[in-house]
Amino acid sequence: MKDKRIDKVKQHFDIFFNNQKVKVISCKIDEANSIISIKTKIFGQDFPHNGRFPIVIPSQNTMKDLSVVFRSMSKDSSIEHWEYTIKAE
């Protein structure tokens, strides 16, 4: 029998919030609408809530220094969805 946890982790990629690594399946930075949307199947990760910090997505060769405010977090049996509002400087 396969270990489903290993398969779940393999679907994810790393992003870094203020040099803290989290695993996600989706990270969309929409500066036009001032929203960051993050989805993960790995529950209980320590996502930040508010502040100014660098966001680095190595797989997309992206680095942004943004000021964000926690907007919402929803969860169902298979996914966590975090949203942040990007604050204008």
N, C-alpha and C. Protein backbone atom coordinates (compact mmCIF):
# COMPACT_ATOMS: atom_id res chain seq x y z
N MET A 1 0.84 -1.19 0.00
CA MET A 1 0.00 0.00 0.00
C MET A 1 0.88 1.25 0.00
N LYS A 2 0.54 2.20 -0.84
CA LYS A 2 1.31 3.44 -0.93
C LYS A 2 1.04 4.33 0.26
N ASP A 3 2.04 5.10 0.62
CA ASP A 3 1.88 6.07 1.68
C ASP A 3 1.31 7.35 1.06
N LYS A 4 0.06 7.66 1.35
CA LYS A 4 -0.61 8.81 0.74
C LYS A 4 0.03 10.13 1.14
N ARG A 5 0.68 10.18 2.31
CA ARG A 5 1.34 11.41 2.73
C ARG A 5 2.48 11.77 1.78
N ILE A 6 3.23 10.80 1.32
CA ILE A 6 4.34 11.06 0.39
C ILE A 6 3.79 11.61 -0.92
N ASP A 7 2.72 11.01 -1.44
CA ASP A 7 2.10 11.50 -2.67
C ASP A 7 1.60 12.93 -2.51
N LYS A 8 1.03 13.23 -1.35
CA LYS A 8 0.51 14.57 -1.08
C LYS A 8 1.64 15.61 -1.08
N VAL A 9 2.73 15.29 -0.44
CA VAL A 9 3.87 16.22 -0.37
C VAL A 9 4.48 16.44 -1.76
N LYS A 10 4.52 15.42 -2.58
CA LYS A 10 5.11 15.54 -3.92
C LYS A 10 4.31 16.48 -4.83
N GLN A 11 3.04 16.73 -4.53
CA GLN A 11 2.21 17.65 -5.32
C GLN A 11 2.57 19.10 -5.04
N HIS A 12 3.26 19.37 -3.95
CA HIS A 12 3.53 20.72 -3.48
C HIS A 12 4.88 21.25 -3.94
N PHE A 13 5.03 22.58 -3.87
CA PHE A 13 6.32 23.22 -4.08
C PHE A 13 6.56 24.18 -2.92
N ASP A 14 7.81 24.57 -2.75
CA ASP A 14 8.19 25.42 -1.63
C ASP A 14 8.02 26.89 -1.96
N ILE A 15 7.54 27.65 -0.97
CA ILE A 15 7.62 29.10 -1.00
C ILE A 15 8.16 29.54 0.35
N PHE A 16 8.71 30.72 0.41
CA PHE A 16 9.29 31.23 1.64
C PHE A 16 8.64 32.55 2.01
N PHE A 17 8.11 32.63 3.23
CA PHE A 17 7.61 33.87 3.82
C PHE A 17 8.62 34.27 4.88
N ASN A 18 9.28 35.40 4.67
CA ASN A 18 10.24 35.89 5.67
C ASN A 18 11.23 34.78 6.04
N ASN A 19 11.74 34.08 5.01
CA ASN A 19 12.71 32.99 5.14
C ASN A 19 12.17 31.75 5.83
N GLN A 20 10.86 31.64 6.01
CA GLN A 20 10.24 30.45 6.59
C GLN A 20 9.59 29.65 5.46
N LYS A 21 10.00 28.39 5.30
CA LYS A 21 9.51 27.56 4.19
C LYS A 21 8.14 26.98 4.50
N VAL A 22 7.23 27.07 3.51
CA VAL A 22 5.95 26.38 3.57
C VAL A 22 5.74 25.66 2.25
N LYS A 23 4.96 24.59 2.28
CA LYS A 23 4.68 23.81 1.07
C LYS A 23 3.27 24.12 0.60
N VAL A 24 3.15 24.45 -0.69
CA VAL A 24 1.86 24.85 -1.26
C VAL A 24 1.64 24.15 -2.60
N ILE A 25 0.36 24.06 -2.99
CA ILE A 25 0.06 23.54 -4.33
C ILE A 25 -0.27 24.69 -5.28
N SER A 26 -0.54 25.88 -4.70
CA SER A 26 -0.87 27.04 -5.53
C SER A 26 -0.53 28.31 -4.75
N CYS A 27 0.10 29.27 -5.44
CA CYS A 27 0.36 30.59 -4.86
C CYS A 27 0.21 31.61 -5.98
N LYS A 28 -0.81 32.45 -5.86
CA LYS A 28 -1.07 33.48 -6.87
C LYS A 28 -0.97 34.85 -6.23
N ILE A 29 -0.08 35.68 -6.78
CA ILE A 29 0.07 37.05 -6.31
C ILE A 29 -0.57 37.94 -7.37
N ASP A 30 -1.71 38.53 -7.03
CA ASP A 30 -2.47 39.38 -7.95
C ASP A 30 -2.35 40.82 -7.46
N GLU A 31 -1.30 41.50 -7.91
CA GLU A 31 -1.06 42.87 -7.45
C GLU A 31 -2.11 43.84 -7.99
N ALA A 32 -2.72 43.56 -9.13
CA ALA A 32 -3.75 44.43 -9.68
C ALA A 32 -4.97 44.51 -8.77
N ASN A 33 -5.32 43.38 -8.14
CA ASN A 33 -6.46 43.33 -7.22
C ASN A 33 -6.04 43.29 -5.75
N SER A 34 -4.73 43.40 -5.50
CA SER A 34 -4.16 43.43 -4.15
C SER A 34 -4.50 42.20 -3.32
N ILE A 35 -4.36 41.01 -3.92
CA ILE A 35 -4.69 39.76 -3.24
C ILE A 35 -3.58 38.73 -3.46
N ILE A 36 -3.26 38.00 -2.40
CA ILE A 36 -2.42 36.81 -2.50
C ILE A 36 -3.29 35.62 -2.10
N SER A 37 -3.32 34.60 -2.93
CA SER A 37 -4.11 33.40 -2.68
C SER A 37 -3.17 32.20 -2.62
N ILE A 38 -3.25 31.45 -1.53
CA ILE A 38 -2.37 30.29 -1.32
C ILE A 38 -3.22 29.07 -0.97
N LYS A 39 -2.92 27.95 -1.61
CA LYS A 39 -3.63 26.70 -1.32
C LYS A 39 -2.62 25.62 -0.98
N THR A 40 -2.98 24.80 0.01
CA THR A 40 -2.13 23.69 0.42
C THR A 40 -2.99 22.53 0.90
N LYS A 41 -2.45 21.33 0.75
CA LYS A 41 -3.10 20.14 1.29
C LYS A 41 -2.41 19.68 2.56
N ILE A 42 -1.37 20.39 2.98
CA ILE A 42 -0.65 20.05 4.20
C ILE A 42 -1.15 20.98 5.30
N PHE A 43 -1.95 20.45 6.19
CA PHE A 43 -2.58 21.25 7.24
C PHE A 43 -1.62 21.58 8.37
N GLY A 44 -1.88 22.71 9.03
CA GLY A 44 -1.15 23.07 10.24
C GLY A 44 0.16 23.78 10.02
N GLN A 45 0.45 24.23 8.81
CA GLN A 45 1.68 24.98 8.58
C GLN A 45 1.54 26.37 9.21
N ASP A 46 2.67 26.94 9.56
CA ASP A 46 2.69 28.21 10.27
C ASP A 46 2.77 29.37 9.27
N PHE A 47 1.62 29.75 8.71
CA PHE A 47 1.57 30.88 7.80
C PHE A 47 1.57 32.18 8.60
N PRO A 48 2.21 33.22 8.08
CA PRO A 48 2.17 34.51 8.78
C PRO A 48 0.79 35.14 8.67
N HIS A 49 0.52 36.13 9.51
CA HIS A 49 -0.78 36.79 9.46
C HIS A 49 -0.70 38.22 8.92
N ASN A 50 0.21 39.01 9.42
CA ASN A 50 0.33 40.41 8.98
C ASN A 50 1.80 40.79 8.97
N GLY A 51 2.12 41.79 8.16
CA GLY A 51 3.48 42.32 8.20
C GLY A 51 4.06 42.55 6.82
N ARG A 52 5.26 43.09 6.85
CA ARG A 52 6.01 43.30 5.61
C ARG A 52 7.15 42.29 5.60
N PHE A 53 7.22 41.50 4.54
CA PHE A 53 8.26 40.49 4.46
C PHE A 53 8.46 40.07 3.01
N PRO A 54 9.61 39.48 2.74
CA PRO A 54 9.84 38.96 1.38
C PRO A 54 9.07 37.65 1.17
N ILE A 55 8.54 37.50 -0.03
CA ILE A 55 7.91 36.26 -0.45
C ILE A 55 8.74 35.74 -1.62
N VAL A 56 9.27 34.54 -1.48
CA VAL A 56 10.14 33.96 -2.49
C VAL A 56 9.51 32.66 -2.98
N ILE A 57 9.38 32.54 -4.31
CA ILE A 57 8.87 31.32 -4.93
C ILE A 57 9.97 30.82 -5.87
N PRO A 58 10.87 29.97 -5.38
CA PRO A 58 12.02 29.55 -6.20
C PRO A 58 11.63 28.89 -7.52
N SER A 59 10.59 28.07 -7.53
CA SER A 59 10.22 27.36 -8.76
C SER A 59 9.73 28.30 -9.85
N GLN A 60 9.27 29.50 -9.46
CA GLN A 60 8.80 30.49 -10.45
C GLN A 60 9.81 31.63 -10.60
N ASN A 61 10.95 31.50 -9.92
CA ASN A 61 11.99 32.52 -9.95
C ASN A 61 11.42 33.90 -9.59
N THR A 62 10.60 33.93 -8.52
CA THR A 62 9.90 35.15 -8.10
C THR A 62 10.32 35.54 -6.70
N MET A 63 10.56 36.84 -6.52
CA MET A 63 10.81 37.38 -5.19
C MET A 63 10.11 38.73 -5.10
N LYS A 64 9.24 38.87 -4.11
CA LYS A 64 8.49 40.10 -3.88
C LYS A 64 8.63 40.51 -2.43
N ASP A 65 8.82 41.79 -2.19
CA ASP A 65 8.83 42.33 -0.82
C ASP A 65 7.50 43.05 -0.65
N LEU A 66 6.58 42.44 0.09
CA LEU A 66 5.22 42.97 0.18
C LEU A 66 4.79 43.17 1.62
N SER A 67 3.90 44.11 1.80
CA SER A 67 3.25 44.33 3.08
C SER A 67 1.84 43.74 2.95
N VAL A 68 1.51 42.78 3.81
CA VAL A 68 0.23 42.08 3.68
C VAL A 68 -0.54 42.07 4.99
N VAL A 69 -1.86 41.91 4.85
CA VAL A 69 -2.77 41.77 5.98
C VAL A 69 -3.58 40.51 5.75
N PHE A 70 -3.70 39.68 6.78
CA PHE A 70 -4.49 38.45 6.70
C PHE A 70 -5.92 38.81 6.33
N ARG A 71 -6.47 38.08 5.36
CA ARG A 71 -7.84 38.33 4.89
C ARG A 71 -8.78 37.20 5.32
N SER A 72 -8.39 35.95 5.00
CA SER A 72 -9.24 34.82 5.38
C SER A 72 -8.48 33.51 5.25
N MET A 73 -9.00 32.48 5.92
CA MET A 73 -8.50 31.13 5.78
C MET A 73 -9.71 30.21 5.82
N SER A 74 -9.85 29.40 4.79
CA SER A 74 -10.93 28.42 4.78
C SER A 74 -10.31 27.04 4.64
N LYS A 75 -11.05 26.06 5.12
CA LYS A 75 -10.52 24.70 5.14
C LYS A 75 -11.66 23.73 4.93
N ASP A 76 -11.41 22.73 4.10
CA ASP A 76 -12.35 21.62 4.01
C ASP A 76 -11.56 20.34 4.27
N SER A 77 -12.09 19.22 3.94
CA SER A 77 -11.43 17.96 4.29
C SER A 77 -10.13 17.73 3.52
N SER A 78 -9.92 18.46 2.41
CA SER A 78 -8.72 18.18 1.62
C SER A 78 -7.80 19.37 1.39
N ILE A 79 -8.22 20.60 1.68
CA ILE A 79 -7.39 21.74 1.32
C ILE A 79 -7.57 22.92 2.28
N GLU A 80 -6.49 23.66 2.49
CA GLU A 80 -6.54 24.94 3.20
C GLU A 80 -6.33 26.04 2.17
N HIS A 81 -7.12 27.10 2.27
CA HIS A 81 -7.01 28.23 1.34
C HIS A 81 -6.80 29.50 2.15
N TRP A 82 -5.62 30.10 2.03
CA TRP A 82 -5.26 31.32 2.74
C TRP A 82 -5.33 32.49 1.76
N GLU A 83 -5.86 33.62 2.22
CA GLU A 83 -5.88 34.83 1.40
C GLU A 83 -5.36 36.01 2.21
N TYR A 84 -4.61 36.85 1.53
CA TYR A 84 -4.05 38.06 2.12
C TYR A 84 -4.38 39.25 1.23
N THR A 85 -4.51 40.41 1.85
CA THR A 85 -4.66 41.66 1.12
C THR A 85 -3.28 42.33 1.09
N ILE A 86 -2.87 42.77 -0.07
CA ILE A 86 -1.60 43.49 -0.20
C ILE A 86 -1.86 44.95 0.12
N LYS A 87 -1.15 45.48 1.10
CA LYS A 87 -1.32 46.88 1.50
C LYS A 87 -0.49 47.77 0.59
N ALA A 88 -1.09 48.88 0.20
CA ALA A 88 -0.36 49.87 -0.60
C ALA A 88 0.61 50.62 0.32
N GLU A 89 1.76 50.91 -0.20
CA GLU A 89 2.77 51.62 0.60
C GLU A 89 2.67 53.11 0.37
